[in-house]
């Protein structure tokens, strides 16, 4: 499990992708996690704009324009994968890209912002 400095590094890496972006699509890949996702989880995210990224302890927090907060935890893998749609993937931390398996992607976000390329994130 990532320690606090790694969580801060991931937050700083994700901020340029998330802040100001609209969540075009959200998909849950693993609904059977230790804690179930809230009811209508993806419906509540889609169409929302991320106003800011923050961190509280080891939790990443994305403030949404609906006044909701998307709370994320890095779990054991400690990574998000960011991919500009149509381009090669990049990583929001220093972990090896090739070591990640799609079956471990619990939530996928497709983001779009007027001044940024469309981005797909997997956590």
PDB file of N, CA and C in Angstrom:
ATOM      1  N   UNK A   1       0.845  -1.175   0.000  1.00  0.00           N
ATOM      2  CA  UNK A   1       0.000   0.000   0.000  1.00  0.00           C
ATOM      3  C   UNK A   1       0.893   1.242   0.000  1.00  0.00           C
ATOM      4  N   UNK A   2       0.587   2.202  -0.850  1.00  0.00           N
ATOM      5  CA  UNK A   2       1.408   3.420  -0.933  1.00  0.00           C
ATOM      6  C   UNK A   2       1.394   4.208   0.381  1.00  0.00           C
ATOM      7  N   UNK A   3       2.507   4.819   0.668  1.00  0.00           N
ATOM      8  CA  UNK A   3       2.614   5.676   1.845  1.00  0.00           C
ATOM      9  C   UNK A   3       2.190   7.097   1.470  1.00  0.00           C
ATOM     10  N   UNK A   4       2.063   7.953   2.467  1.00  0.00           N
ATOM     11  CA  UNK A   4       1.554   9.304   2.271  1.00  0.00           C
ATOM     12  C   UNK A   4       2.283  10.103   1.187  1.00  0.00           C
ATOM     13  N   UNK A   5       3.623  10.095   1.127  1.00  0.00           N
ATOM     14  CA  UNK A   5       4.290  10.861   0.062  1.00  0.00           C
ATOM     15  C   UNK A   5       3.919  10.378  -1.348  1.00  0.00           C
ATOM     16  N   UNK A   6       3.725   9.064  -1.521  1.00  0.00           N
ATOM     17  CA  UNK A   6       3.325   8.543  -2.830  1.00  0.00           C
ATOM     18  C   UNK A   6       1.901   8.977  -3.182  1.00  0.00           C
ATOM     19  N   UNK A   7       1.025   9.014  -2.181  1.00  0.00           N
ATOM     20  CA  UNK A   7      -0.356   9.444  -2.430  1.00  0.00           C
ATOM     21  C   UNK A   7      -0.367  10.904  -2.876  1.00  0.00           C
ATOM     22  N   UNK A   8       0.437  11.733  -2.234  1.00  0.00           N
ATOM     23  CA  UNK A   8       0.542  13.143  -2.632  1.00  0.00           C
ATOM     24  C   UNK A   8       1.090  13.261  -4.049  1.00  0.00           C
ATOM     25  N   UNK A   9       2.062  12.441  -4.390  1.00  0.00           N
ATOM     26  CA  UNK A   9       2.629  12.457  -5.746  1.00  0.00           C
ATOM     27  C   UNK A   9       1.575  12.076  -6.782  1.00  0.00           C
ATOM     28  N   UNK A  10       0.776  11.064  -6.480  1.00  0.00           N
ATOM     29  CA  UNK A  10      -0.293  10.654  -7.399  1.00  0.00           C
ATOM     30  C   UNK A  10      -1.321  11.770  -7.537  1.00  0.00           C
ATOM     31  N   UNK A  11      -1.689  12.410  -6.425  1.00  0.00           N
ATOM     32  CA  UNK A  11      -2.651  13.525  -6.483  1.00  0.00           C
ATOM     33  C   UNK A  11      -2.146  14.629  -7.403  1.00  0.00           C
ATOM     34  N   UNK A  12      -0.874  14.993  -7.249  1.00  0.00           N
ATOM     35  CA  UNK A  12      -0.298  16.043  -8.098  1.00  0.00           C
ATOM     36  C   UNK A  12      -0.240  15.622  -9.559  1.00  0.00           C
ATOM     37  N   UNK A  13      -0.036  14.331  -9.797  1.00  0.00           N
ATOM     38  CA  UNK A  13      -0.027  13.830 -11.169  1.00  0.00           C
ATOM     39  C   UNK A  13      -1.405  13.797 -11.798  1.00  0.00           C
ATOM     40  N   UNK A  14      -2.422  13.535 -10.990  1.00  0.00           N
ATOM     41  CA  UNK A  14      -3.798  13.463 -11.498  1.00  0.00           C
ATOM     42  C   UNK A  14      -4.429  14.838 -11.699  1.00  0.00           C
ATOM     43  N   UNK A  15      -4.010  15.818 -10.915  1.00  0.00           N
ATOM     44  CA  UNK A  15      -4.637  17.144 -10.951  1.00  0.00           C
ATOM     45  C   UNK A  15      -4.731  17.727 -12.368  1.00  0.00           C
ATOM     46  N   UNK A  16      -3.668  17.685 -13.198  1.00  0.00           N
ATOM     47  CA  UNK A  16      -3.806  18.254 -14.539  1.00  0.00           C
ATOM     48  C   UNK A  16      -4.828  17.533 -15.417  1.00  0.00           C
ATOM     49  N   UNK A  17      -5.070  16.254 -15.143  1.00  0.00           N
ATOM     50  CA  UNK A  17      -6.061  15.495 -15.913  1.00  0.00           C
ATOM     51  C   UNK A  17      -7.477  15.776 -15.414  1.00  0.00           C
ATOM     52  N   UNK A  18      -7.661  15.805 -14.103  1.00  0.00           N
ATOM     53  CA  UNK A  18      -8.986  15.922 -13.511  1.00  0.00           C
ATOM     54  C   UNK A  18      -9.500  17.354 -13.422  1.00  0.00           C
ATOM     55  N   UNK A  19      -8.688  18.288 -12.961  1.00  0.00           N
ATOM     56  CA  UNK A  19      -9.185  19.635 -12.677  1.00  0.00           C
ATOM     57  C   UNK A  19      -9.678  20.333 -13.939  1.00  0.00           C
ATOM     58  N   UNK A  20     -10.924  20.751 -13.906  1.00  0.00           N
ATOM     59  CA  UNK A  20     -11.545  21.419 -15.040  1.00  0.00           C
ATOM     60  C   UNK A  20     -12.126  20.473 -16.073  1.00  0.00           C
ATOM     61  N   UNK A  21     -11.924  19.174 -15.891  1.00  0.00           N
ATOM     62  CA  UNK A  21     -12.423  18.184 -16.857  1.00  0.00           C
ATOM     63  C   UNK A  21     -13.828  17.745 -16.476  1.00  0.00           C
ATOM     64  N   UNK A  22     -14.589  17.360 -17.484  1.00  0.00           N
ATOM     65  CA  UNK A  22     -15.917  16.805 -17.282  1.00  0.00           C
ATOM     66  C   UNK A  22     -15.829  15.292 -17.391  1.00  0.00           C
ATOM     67  N   UNK A  23     -16.495  14.600 -16.495  1.00  0.00           N
ATOM     68  CA  UNK A  23     -16.538  13.137 -16.548  1.00  0.00           C
ATOM     69  C   UNK A  23     -17.589  12.754 -17.582  1.00  0.00           C
ATOM     70  N   UNK A  24     -17.120  12.335 -18.742  1.00  0.00           N
ATOM     71  CA  UNK A  24     -18.005  11.972 -19.851  1.00  0.00           C
ATOM     72  C   UNK A  24     -18.617  10.604 -19.611  1.00  0.00           C
ATOM     73  N   UNK A  25     -17.805   9.691 -19.102  1.00  0.00           N
ATOM     74  CA  UNK A  25     -18.243   8.321 -18.892  1.00  0.00           C
ATOM     75  C   UNK A  25     -17.535   7.770 -17.665  1.00  0.00           C
ATOM     76  N   UNK A  26     -18.251   7.047 -16.841  1.00  0.00           N
ATOM     77  CA  UNK A  26     -17.667   6.351 -15.696  1.00  0.00           C
ATOM     78  C   UNK A  26     -18.169   4.915 -15.737  1.00  0.00           C
ATOM     79  N   UNK A  27     -17.250   3.990 -15.487  1.00  0.00           N
ATOM     80  CA  UNK A  27     -17.618   2.574 -15.550  1.00  0.00           C
ATOM     81  C   UNK A  27     -16.969   1.845 -14.384  1.00  0.00           C
ATOM     82  N   UNK A  28     -17.745   0.984 -13.737  1.00  0.00           N
ATOM     83  CA  UNK A  28     -17.240   0.173 -12.635  1.00  0.00           C
ATOM     84  C   UNK A  28     -16.855  -1.185 -13.196  1.00  0.00           C
ATOM     85  N   UNK A  29     -15.595  -1.575 -12.997  1.00  0.00           N
ATOM     86  CA  UNK A  29     -15.113  -2.862 -13.490  1.00  0.00           C
ATOM     87  C   UNK A  29     -15.244  -3.972 -12.463  1.00  0.00           C
ATOM     88  N   UNK A  30     -15.280  -3.614 -11.197  1.00  0.00           N
ATOM     89  CA  UNK A  30     -15.340  -4.604 -10.124  1.00  0.00           C
ATOM     90  C   UNK A  30     -16.360  -4.175  -9.082  1.00  0.00           C
ATOM     91  N   UNK A  31     -17.627  -4.518  -9.243  1.00  0.00           N
ATOM     92  CA  UNK A  31     -18.627  -4.111  -8.260  1.00  0.00           C
ATOM     93  C   UNK A  31     -18.541  -4.896  -6.946  1.00  0.00           C
ATOM     94  N   UNK A  32     -17.722  -5.960  -6.904  1.00  0.00           N
ATOM     95  CA  UNK A  32     -17.658  -6.834  -5.735  1.00  0.00           C
ATOM     96  C   UNK A  32     -16.476  -6.527  -4.816  1.00  0.00           C
ATOM     97  N   UNK A  33     -16.111  -5.258  -4.709  1.00  0.00           N
ATOM     98  CA  UNK A  33     -15.022  -4.884  -3.824  1.00  0.00           C
ATOM     99  C   UNK A  33     -15.455  -5.018  -2.365  1.00  0.00           C
ATOM    100  N   UNK A  34     -14.521  -4.780  -1.466  1.00  0.00           N
ATOM    101  CA  UNK A  34     -14.808  -4.945  -0.037  1.00  0.00           C
ATOM    102  C   UNK A  34     -15.988  -4.070   0.396  1.00  0.00           C
ATOM    103  N   UNK A  35     -16.040  -2.841  -0.119  1.00  0.00           N
ATOM    104  CA  UNK A  35     -17.161  -1.946   0.160  1.00  0.00           C
ATOM    105  C   UNK A  35     -17.892  -1.701  -1.156  1.00  0.00           C
ATOM    106  N   UNK A  36     -19.208  -1.896  -1.194  1.00  0.00           N
ATOM    107  CA  UNK A  36     -19.939  -1.683  -2.447  1.00  0.00           C
ATOM    108  C   UNK A  36     -19.956  -0.206  -2.832  1.00  0.00           C
ATOM    109  N   UNK A  37     -20.066   0.041  -4.133  1.00  0.00           N
ATOM    110  CA  UNK A  37     -20.183   1.409  -4.619  1.00  0.00           C
ATOM    111  C   UNK A  37     -21.570   1.945  -4.258  1.00  0.00           C
ATOM    112  N   UNK A  38     -21.671   3.250  -4.044  1.00  0.00           N
ATOM    113  CA  UNK A  38     -22.986   3.835  -3.731  1.00  0.00           C
ATOM    114  C   UNK A  38     -23.973   3.617  -4.875  1.00  0.00           C
ATOM    115  N   UNK A  39     -25.242   3.646  -4.527  1.00  0.00           N
ATOM    116  CA  UNK A  39     -26.295   3.502  -5.526  1.00  0.00           C
ATOM    117  C   UNK A  39     -26.168   4.612  -6.567  1.00  0.00           C
ATOM    118  N   UNK A  40     -26.354   4.275  -7.835  1.00  0.00           N
ATOM    119  CA  UNK A  40     -26.261   5.220  -8.955  1.00  0.00           C
ATOM    120  C   UNK A  40     -24.897   5.905  -9.030  1.00  0.00           C
ATOM    121  N   UNK A  41     -23.849   5.212  -8.639  1.00  0.00           N
ATOM    122  CA  UNK A  41     -22.500   5.776  -8.592  1.00  0.00           C
ATOM    123  C   UNK A  41     -22.105   6.417  -9.912  1.00  0.00           C
ATOM    124  N   UNK A  42     -22.164   5.667 -11.006  1.00  0.00           N
ATOM    125  CA  UNK A  42     -21.714   6.214 -12.293  1.00  0.00           C
ATOM    126  C   UNK A  42     -22.660   7.300 -12.799  1.00  0.00           C
ATOM    127  N   UNK A  43     -23.952   7.140 -12.570  1.00  0.00           N
ATOM    128  CA  UNK A  43     -24.917   8.163 -13.008  1.00  0.00           C
ATOM    129  C   UNK A  43     -24.661   9.499 -12.320  1.00  0.00           C
ATOM    130  N   UNK A  44     -24.250   9.453 -11.055  1.00  0.00           N
ATOM    131  CA  UNK A  44     -23.991  10.679 -10.298  1.00  0.00           C
ATOM    132  C   UNK A  44     -22.713  11.372 -10.754  1.00  0.00           C
ATOM    133  N   UNK A  45     -21.807  10.632 -11.415  1.00  0.00           N
ATOM    134  CA  UNK A  45     -20.544  11.213 -11.865  1.00  0.00           C
ATOM    135  C   UNK A  45     -20.613  11.759 -13.285  1.00  0.00           C
ATOM    136  N   UNK A  46     -21.311  11.056 -14.162  1.00  0.00           N
ATOM    137  CA  UNK A  46     -21.319  11.423 -15.576  1.00  0.00           C
ATOM    138  C   UNK A  46     -21.935  12.800 -15.786  1.00  0.00           C
ATOM    139  N   UNK A  47     -21.236  13.615 -16.560  1.00  0.00           N
ATOM    140  CA  UNK A  47     -21.680  14.972 -16.842  1.00  0.00           C
ATOM    141  C   UNK A  47     -21.203  15.996 -15.822  1.00  0.00           C
ATOM    142  N   UNK A  48     -20.553  15.545 -14.766  1.00  0.00           N
ATOM    143  CA  UNK A  48     -20.051  16.438 -13.719  1.00  0.00           C
ATOM    144  C   UNK A  48     -18.646  16.916 -14.045  1.00  0.00           C
ATOM    145  N   UNK A  49     -18.340  18.145 -13.646  1.00  0.00           N
ATOM    146  CA  UNK A  49     -17.012  18.726 -13.848  1.00  0.00           C
ATOM    147  C   UNK A  49     -16.260  18.707 -12.527  1.00  0.00           C
ATOM    148  N   UNK A  50     -14.978  18.327 -12.598  1.00  0.00           N
ATOM    149  CA  UNK A  50     -14.131  18.312 -11.416  1.00  0.00           C
ATOM    150  C   UNK A  50     -13.598  19.727 -11.204  1.00  0.00           C
ATOM    151  N   UNK A  51     -13.912  20.308 -10.061  1.00  0.00           N
ATOM    152  CA  UNK A  51     -13.495  21.686  -9.794  1.00  0.00           C
ATOM    153  C   UNK A  51     -12.117  21.753  -9.137  1.00  0.00           C
ATOM    154  N   UNK A  52     -11.765  20.731  -8.351  1.00  0.00           N
ATOM    155  CA  UNK A  52     -10.428  20.701  -7.739  1.00  0.00           C
ATOM    156  C   UNK A  52     -10.105  19.308  -7.244  1.00  0.00           C
ATOM    157  N   UNK A  53      -8.817  19.041  -7.099  1.00  0.00           N
ATOM    158  CA  UNK A  53      -8.326  17.773  -6.549  1.00  0.00           C
ATOM    159  C   UNK A  53      -7.701  18.052  -5.192  1.00  0.00           C
ATOM    160  N   UNK A  54      -7.933  17.154  -4.261  1.00  0.00           N
ATOM    161  CA  UNK A  54      -7.336  17.292  -2.943  1.00  0.00           C
ATOM    162  C   UNK A  54      -6.966  15.938  -2.384  1.00  0.00           C
ATOM    163  N   UNK A  55      -6.468  15.967  -1.163  1.00  0.00           N
ATOM    164  CA  UNK A  55      -6.081  14.739  -0.484  1.00  0.00           C
ATOM    165  C   UNK A  55      -6.367  14.911   0.993  1.00  0.00           C
ATOM    166  N   UNK A  56      -6.887  13.885   1.598  1.00  0.00           N
ATOM    167  CA  UNK A  56      -7.036  13.836   3.056  1.00  0.00           C
ATOM    168  C   UNK A  56      -6.489  12.487   3.477  1.00  0.00           C
ATOM    169  N   UNK A  57      -5.378  12.539   4.207  1.00  0.00           N
ATOM    170  CA  UNK A  57      -4.648  11.326   4.578  1.00  0.00           C
ATOM    171  C   UNK A  57      -4.321  10.555   3.299  1.00  0.00           C
ATOM    172  N   UNK A  58      -4.718   9.294   3.196  1.00  0.00           N
ATOM    173  CA  UNK A  58      -4.404   8.496   2.007  1.00  0.00           C
ATOM    174  C   UNK A  58      -5.558   8.439   1.013  1.00  0.00           C
ATOM    175  N   UNK A  59      -6.514   9.330   1.153  1.00  0.00           N
ATOM    176  CA  UNK A  59      -7.654   9.384   0.236  1.00  0.00           C
ATOM    177  C   UNK A  59      -7.491  10.555  -0.724  1.00  0.00           C
ATOM    178  N   UNK A  60      -7.745  10.301  -1.995  1.00  0.00           N
ATOM    179  CA  UNK A  60      -7.766  11.341  -3.020  1.00  0.00           C
ATOM    180  C   UNK A  60      -9.204  11.824  -3.123  1.00  0.00           C
ATOM    181  N   UNK A  61      -9.388  13.131  -3.265  1.00  0.00           N
ATOM    182  CA  UNK A  61     -10.719  13.697  -3.291  1.00  0.00           C
ATOM    183  C   UNK A  61     -10.873  14.627  -4.483  1.00  0.00           C
ATOM    184  N   UNK A  62     -11.883  14.356  -5.291  1.00  0.00           N
ATOM    185  CA  UNK A  62     -12.190  15.209  -6.436  1.00  0.00           C
ATOM    186  C   UNK A  62     -13.492  15.943  -6.132  1.00  0.00           C
ATOM    187  N   UNK A  63     -13.400  17.269  -5.979  1.00  0.00           N
ATOM    188  CA  UNK A  63     -14.596  18.077  -5.755  1.00  0.00           C
ATOM    189  C   UNK A  63     -15.313  18.254  -7.089  1.00  0.00           C
ATOM    190  N   UNK A  64     -16.616  18.023  -7.090  1.00  0.00           N
ATOM    191  CA  UNK A  64     -17.417  18.114  -8.309  1.00  0.00           C
ATOM    192  C   UNK A  64     -18.291  19.351  -8.287  1.00  0.00           C
ATOM    193  N   UNK A  65     -18.717  19.788  -9.468  1.00  0.00           N
ATOM    194  CA  UNK A  65     -19.568  20.974  -9.569  1.00  0.00           C
ATOM    195  C   UNK A  65     -20.955  20.764  -8.970  1.00  0.00           C
ATOM    196  N   UNK A  66     -21.294  19.536  -8.627  1.00  0.00           N
ATOM    197  CA  UNK A  66     -22.576  19.237  -7.987  1.00  0.00           C
ATOM    198  C   UNK A  66     -22.485  19.345  -6.465  1.00  0.00           C
ATOM    199  N   UNK A  67     -21.310  19.752  -5.963  1.00  0.00           N
ATOM    200  CA  UNK A  67     -21.005  19.805  -4.531  1.00  0.00           C
ATOM    201  C   UNK A  67     -20.810  18.423  -3.915  1.00  0.00           C
ATOM    202  N   UNK A  68     -20.800  17.373  -4.743  1.00  0.00           N
ATOM    203  CA  UNK A  68     -20.421  16.042  -4.282  1.00  0.00           C
ATOM    204  C   UNK A  68     -18.901  15.949  -4.302  1.00  0.00           C
ATOM    205  N   UNK A  69     -18.374  14.974  -3.594  1.00  0.00           N
ATOM    206  CA  UNK A  69     -16.938  14.724  -3.590  1.00  0.00           C
ATOM    207  C   UNK A  69     -16.716  13.266  -3.951  1.00  0.00           C
ATOM    208  N   UNK A  70     -15.928  13.034  -4.990  1.00  0.00           N
ATOM    209  CA  UNK A  70     -15.531  11.687  -5.382  1.00  0.00           C
ATOM    210  C   UNK A  70     -14.315  11.326  -4.544  1.00  0.00           C
ATOM    211  N   UNK A  71     -14.452  10.312  -3.685  1.00  0.00           N
ATOM    212  CA  UNK A  71     -13.365   9.875  -2.811  1.00  0.00           C
ATOM    213  C   UNK A  71     -12.750   8.615  -3.404  1.00  0.00           C
ATOM    214  N   UNK A  72     -11.422   8.640  -3.555  1.00  0.00           N
ATOM    215  CA  UNK A  72     -10.705   7.518  -4.160  1.00  0.00           C
ATOM    216  C   UNK A  72      -9.569   7.082  -3.244  1.00  0.00           C
ATOM    217  N   UNK A  73      -9.284   5.792  -3.259  1.00  0.00           N
ATOM    218  CA  UNK A  73      -8.176   5.236  -2.478  1.00  0.00           C
ATOM    219  C   UNK A  73      -7.331   4.385  -3.414  1.00  0.00           C
ATOM    220  N   UNK A  74      -6.035   4.436  -3.241  1.00  0.00           N
ATOM    221  CA  UNK A  74      -5.131   3.726  -4.145  1.00  0.00           C
ATOM    222  C   UNK A  74      -5.064   2.226  -3.884  1.00  0.00           C
ATOM    223  N   UNK A  75      -5.586   1.763  -2.776  1.00  0.00           N
ATOM    224  CA  UNK A  75      -5.573   0.333  -2.500  1.00  0.00           C
ATOM    225  C   UNK A  75      -4.157  -0.217  -2.469  1.00  0.00           C
ATOM    226  N   UNK A  76      -4.008  -1.442  -2.897  1.00  0.00           N
ATOM    227  CA  UNK A  76      -2.694  -2.087  -2.871  1.00  0.00           C
ATOM    228  C   UNK A  76      -1.838  -1.723  -4.083  1.00  0.00           C
ATOM    229  N   UNK A  77      -2.457  -1.478  -5.221  1.00  0.00           N
ATOM    230  CA  UNK A  77      -1.683  -1.214  -6.445  1.00  0.00           C
ATOM    231  C   UNK A  77      -1.041   0.167  -6.432  1.00  0.00           C
ATOM    232  N   UNK A  78      -1.754   1.144  -5.888  1.00  0.00           N
ATOM    233  CA  UNK A  78      -1.204   2.478  -5.774  1.00  0.00           C
ATOM    234  C   UNK A  78      -1.042   3.218  -7.078  1.00  0.00           C
ATOM    235  N   UNK A  79      -1.946   2.997  -8.028  1.00  0.00           N
ATOM    236  CA  UNK A  79      -1.745   3.694  -9.298  1.00  0.00           C
ATOM    237  C   UNK A  79      -3.045   4.001 -10.020  1.00  0.00           C
ATOM    238  N   UNK A  80      -2.953   5.010 -10.859  1.00  0.00           N
ATOM    239  CA  UNK A  80      -3.946   5.337 -11.877  1.00  0.00           C
ATOM    240  C   UNK A  80      -3.198   5.279 -13.198  1.00  0.00           C
ATOM    241  N   UNK A  81      -3.864   4.857 -14.242  1.00  0.00           N
ATOM    242  CA  UNK A  81      -3.265   4.928 -15.572  1.00  0.00           C
ATOM    243  C   UNK A  81      -4.023   5.971 -16.367  1.00  0.00           C
ATOM    244  N   UNK A  82      -3.282   6.873 -16.980  1.00  0.00           N
ATOM    245  CA  UNK A  82      -3.873   7.942 -17.779  1.00  0.00           C
ATOM    246  C   UNK A  82      -3.501   7.712 -19.230  1.00  0.00           C
ATOM    247  N   UNK A  83      -4.481   7.808 -20.096  1.00  0.00           N
ATOM    248  CA  UNK A  83      -4.237   7.593 -21.514  1.00  0.00           C
ATOM    249  C   UNK A  83      -4.985   8.654 -22.312  1.00  0.00           C
ATOM    250  N   UNK A  84      -4.237   9.410 -23.108  1.00  0.00           N
ATOM    251  CA  UNK A  84      -4.891  10.328 -24.030  1.00  0.00           C
ATOM    252  C   UNK A  84      -5.495   9.440 -25.112  1.00  0.00           C
ATOM    253  N   UNK A  85      -6.773   9.512 -25.310  1.00  0.00           N
ATOM    254  CA  UNK A  85      -7.432   8.620 -26.255  1.00  0.00           C
ATOM    255  C   UNK A  85      -6.791   8.752 -27.627  1.00  0.00           C
ATOM    256  N   UNK A  86      -6.357   7.614 -28.152  1.00  0.00           N
ATOM    257  CA  UNK A  86      -5.677   7.589 -29.437  1.00  0.00           C
ATOM    258  C   UNK A  86      -4.175   7.693 -29.329  1.00  0.00           C
ATOM    259  N   UNK A  87      -3.644   7.866 -28.103  1.00  0.00           N
ATOM    260  CA  UNK A  87      -2.204   7.993 -27.899  1.00  0.00           C
ATOM    261  C   UNK A  87      -1.705   6.934 -26.926  1.00  0.00           C
ATOM    262  N   UNK A  88      -0.406   6.889 -26.744  1.00  0.00           N
ATOM    263  CA  UNK A  88       0.210   5.951 -25.806  1.00  0.00           C
ATOM    264  C   UNK A  88      -0.119   6.355 -24.375  1.00  0.00           C
ATOM    265  N   UNK A  89      -0.263   5.371 -23.476  1.00  0.00           N
ATOM    266  CA  UNK A  89      -0.580   5.681 -22.092  1.00  0.00           C
ATOM    267  C   UNK A  89       0.565   6.354 -21.362  1.00  0.00           C
ATOM    268  N   UNK A  90       0.196   7.147 -20.346  1.00  0.00           N
ATOM    269  CA  UNK A  90       1.176   7.705 -19.434  1.00  0.00           C
ATOM    270  C   UNK A  90       0.708   7.355 -18.040  1.00  0.00           C
ATOM    271  N   UNK A  91       1.533   7.554 -17.038  1.00  0.00           N
ATOM    272  CA  UNK A  91       1.174   7.145 -15.696  1.00  0.00           C
ATOM    273  C   UNK A  91       1.157   8.342 -14.758  1.00  0.00           C
ATOM    274  N   UNK A  92       0.259   8.308 -13.790  1.00  0.00           N
ATOM    275  CA  UNK A  92       0.178   9.375 -12.798  1.00  0.00           C
ATOM    276  C   UNK A  92       1.140   9.122 -11.647  1.00  0.00           C
ATOM    277  N   UNK A  93       1.916   8.056 -11.745  1.00  0.00           N
ATOM    278  CA  UNK A  93       2.981   7.826 -10.776  1.00  0.00           C
ATOM    279  C   UNK A  93       4.117   7.096 -11.467  1.00  0.00           C
ATOM    280  N   UNK A  94       5.077   6.648 -10.702  1.00  0.00           N
ATOM    281  CA  UNK A  94       6.284   6.079 -11.298  1.00  0.00           C
ATOM    282  C   UNK A  94       6.208   4.576 -11.511  1.00  0.00           C
ATOM    283  N   UNK A  95       5.057   3.967 -11.357  1.00  0.00           N
ATOM    284  CA  UNK A  95       4.984   2.512 -11.500  1.00  0.00           C
ATOM    285  C   UNK A  95       5.083   2.096 -12.967  1.00  0.00           C
ATOM    286  N   UNK A  96       5.433   0.850 -13.180  1.00  0.00           N
ATOM    287  CA  UNK A  96       5.589   0.316 -14.528  1.00  0.00           C
ATOM    288  C   UNK A  96       4.237   0.150 -15.208  1.00  0.00           C
ATOM    289  N   UNK A  97       4.076   0.738 -16.380  1.00  0.00           N
ATOM    290  CA  UNK A  97       2.825   0.655 -17.125  1.00  0.00           C
ATOM    291  C   UNK A  97       2.477  -0.783 -17.494  1.00  0.00           C
ATOM    292  N   UNK A  98       3.464  -1.549 -17.943  1.00  0.00           N
ATOM    293  CA  UNK A  98       3.194  -2.880 -18.451  1.00  0.00           C
ATOM    294  C   UNK A  98       2.798  -3.868 -17.353  1.00  0.00           C
ATOM    295  N   UNK A  99       3.010  -3.518 -16.086  1.00  0.00           N
ATOM    296  CA  UNK A  99       2.695  -4.449 -15.007  1.00  0.00           C
ATOM    297  C   UNK A  99       1.226  -4.393 -14.605  1.00  0.00           C
ATOM    298  N   UNK A 100       0.459  -3.473 -15.140  1.00  0.00           N
ATOM    299  CA  UNK A 100      -0.944  -3.336 -14.759  1.00  0.00           C
ATOM    300  C   UNK A 100      -1.822  -4.181 -15.679  1.00  0.00           C
ATOM    301  N   UNK A 101      -2.751  -4.892 -15.073  1.00  0.00           N
ATOM    302  CA  UNK A 101      -3.678  -5.726 -15.828  1.00  0.00           C
ATOM    303  C   UNK A 101      -5.067  -5.111 -15.787  1.00  0.00           C
ATOM    304  N   UNK A 102      -5.754  -5.048 -16.935  1.00  0.00           N
ATOM    305  CA  UNK A 102      -7.091  -4.454 -16.956  1.00  0.00           C
ATOM    306  C   UNK A 102      -8.063  -5.093 -15.970  1.00  0.00           C
ATOM    307  N   UNK A 103      -7.867  -6.374 -15.627  1.00  0.00           N
ATOM    308  CA  UNK A 103      -8.796  -7.008 -14.686  1.00  0.00           C
ATOM    309  C   UNK A 103      -8.716  -6.377 -13.298  1.00  0.00           C
ATOM    310  N   UNK A 104      -7.650  -5.612 -13.034  1.00  0.00           N
ATOM    311  CA  UNK A 104      -7.513  -4.933 -11.745  1.00  0.00           C
ATOM    312  C   UNK A 104      -7.980  -3.481 -11.803  1.00  0.00           C
ATOM    313  N   UNK A 105      -8.517  -3.065 -12.929  1.00  0.00           N
ATOM    314  CA  UNK A 105      -9.069  -1.714 -13.050  1.00  0.00           C
ATOM    315  C   UNK A 105     -10.463  -1.716 -12.433  1.00  0.00           C
ATOM    316  N   UNK A 106     -10.600  -1.078 -11.293  1.00  0.00           N
ATOM    317  CA  UNK A 106     -11.870  -1.108 -10.580  1.00  0.00           C
ATOM    318  C   UNK A 106     -12.845  -0.056 -11.086  1.00  0.00           C
ATOM    319  N   UNK A 107     -12.340   1.097 -11.465  1.00  0.00           N
ATOM    320  CA  UNK A 107     -13.186   2.170 -11.996  1.00  0.00           C
ATOM    321  C   UNK A 107     -12.445   2.823 -13.164  1.00  0.00           C
ATOM    322  N   UNK A 108     -13.162   3.101 -14.241  1.00  0.00           N
ATOM    323  CA  UNK A 108     -12.602   3.779 -15.397  1.00  0.00           C
ATOM    324  C   UNK A 108     -13.372   5.079 -15.614  1.00  0.00           C
ATOM    325  N   UNK A 109     -12.624   6.137 -15.861  1.00  0.00           N
ATOM    326  CA  UNK A 109     -13.217   7.446 -16.123  1.00  0.00           C
ATOM    327  C   UNK A 109     -12.788   7.894 -17.511  1.00  0.00           C
ATOM    328  N   UNK A 110     -13.711   8.425 -18.272  1.00  0.00           N
ATOM    329  CA  UNK A 110     -13.379   9.104 -19.516  1.00  0.00           C
ATOM    330  C   UNK A 110     -13.646  10.580 -19.258  1.00  0.00           C
ATOM    331  N   UNK A 111     -12.603  11.386 -19.427  1.00  0.00           N
ATOM    332  CA  UNK A 111     -12.680  12.811 -19.125  1.00  0.00           C
ATOM    333  C   UNK A 111     -12.544  13.631 -20.387  1.00  0.00           C
ATOM    334  N   UNK A 112     -13.170  14.789 -20.395  1.00  0.00           N
ATOM    335  CA  UNK A 112     -13.056  15.706 -21.511  1.00  0.00           C
ATOM    336  C   UNK A 112     -13.054  17.130 -20.974  1.00  0.00           C
ATOM    337  N   UNK A 113     -12.174  17.942 -21.532  1.00  0.00           N
ATOM    338  CA  UNK A 113     -12.112  19.350 -21.152  1.00  0.00           C
ATOM    339  C   UNK A 113     -11.877  20.170 -22.406  1.00  0.00           C
ATOM    340  N   UNK A 114     -12.460  21.370 -22.483  1.00  0.00           N
ATOM    341  CA  UNK A 114     -12.326  22.189 -23.691  1.00  0.00           C
ATOM    342  C   UNK A 114     -10.876  22.496 -24.056  1.00  0.00           C
ATOM    343  N   UNK A 115     -10.030  22.707 -23.059  1.00  0.00           N
ATOM    344  CA  UNK A 115      -8.642  23.070 -23.346  1.00  0.00           C
ATOM    345  C   UNK A 115      -7.674  21.901 -23.242  1.00  0.00           C
ATOM    346  N   UNK A 116      -8.195  20.671 -23.110  1.00  0.00           N
ATOM    347  CA  UNK A 116      -7.350  19.492 -22.963  1.00  0.00           C
ATOM    348  C   UNK A 116      -7.820  18.414 -23.925  1.00  0.00           C
ATOM    349  N   UNK A 117      -6.943  17.459 -24.182  1.00  0.00           N
ATOM    350  CA  UNK A 117      -7.331  16.298 -24.977  1.00  0.00           C
ATOM    351  C   UNK A 117      -8.253  15.415 -24.147  1.00  0.00           C
ATOM    352  N   UNK A 118      -9.003  14.561 -24.812  1.00  0.00           N
ATOM    353  CA  UNK A 118      -9.842  13.608 -24.102  1.00  0.00           C
ATOM    354  C   UNK A 118      -8.940  12.559 -23.460  1.00  0.00           C
ATOM    355  N   UNK A 119      -9.218  12.201 -22.228  1.00  0.00           N
ATOM    356  CA  UNK A 119      -8.362  11.319 -21.451  1.00  0.00           C
ATOM    357  C   UNK A 119      -9.185  10.178 -20.874  1.00  0.00           C
ATOM    358  N   UNK A 120      -8.600   8.989 -20.821  1.00  0.00           N
ATOM    359  CA  UNK A 120      -9.201   7.851 -20.148  1.00  0.00           C
ATOM    360  C   UNK A 120      -8.336   7.503 -18.947  1.00  0.00           C
ATOM    361  N   UNK A 121      -8.943   7.334 -17.775  1.00  0.00           N
ATOM    362  CA  UNK A 121      -8.222   6.986 -16.540  1.00  0.00           C
ATOM    363  C   UNK A 121      -8.737   5.671 -16.026  1.00  0.00           C
ATOM    364  N   UNK A 122      -7.828   4.832 -15.572  1.00  0.00           N
ATOM    365  CA  UNK A 122      -8.216   3.572 -14.929  1.00  0.00           C
ATOM    366  C   UNK A 122      -7.560   3.506 -13.568  1.00  0.00           C
ATOM    367  N   UNK A 123      -8.317   3.096 -12.579  1.00  0.00           N
ATOM    368  CA  UNK A 123      -7.788   2.991 -11.220  1.00  0.00           C
ATOM    369  C   UNK A 123      -8.036   1.596 -10.696  1.00  0.00           C
TER     370      UNK A 123
END
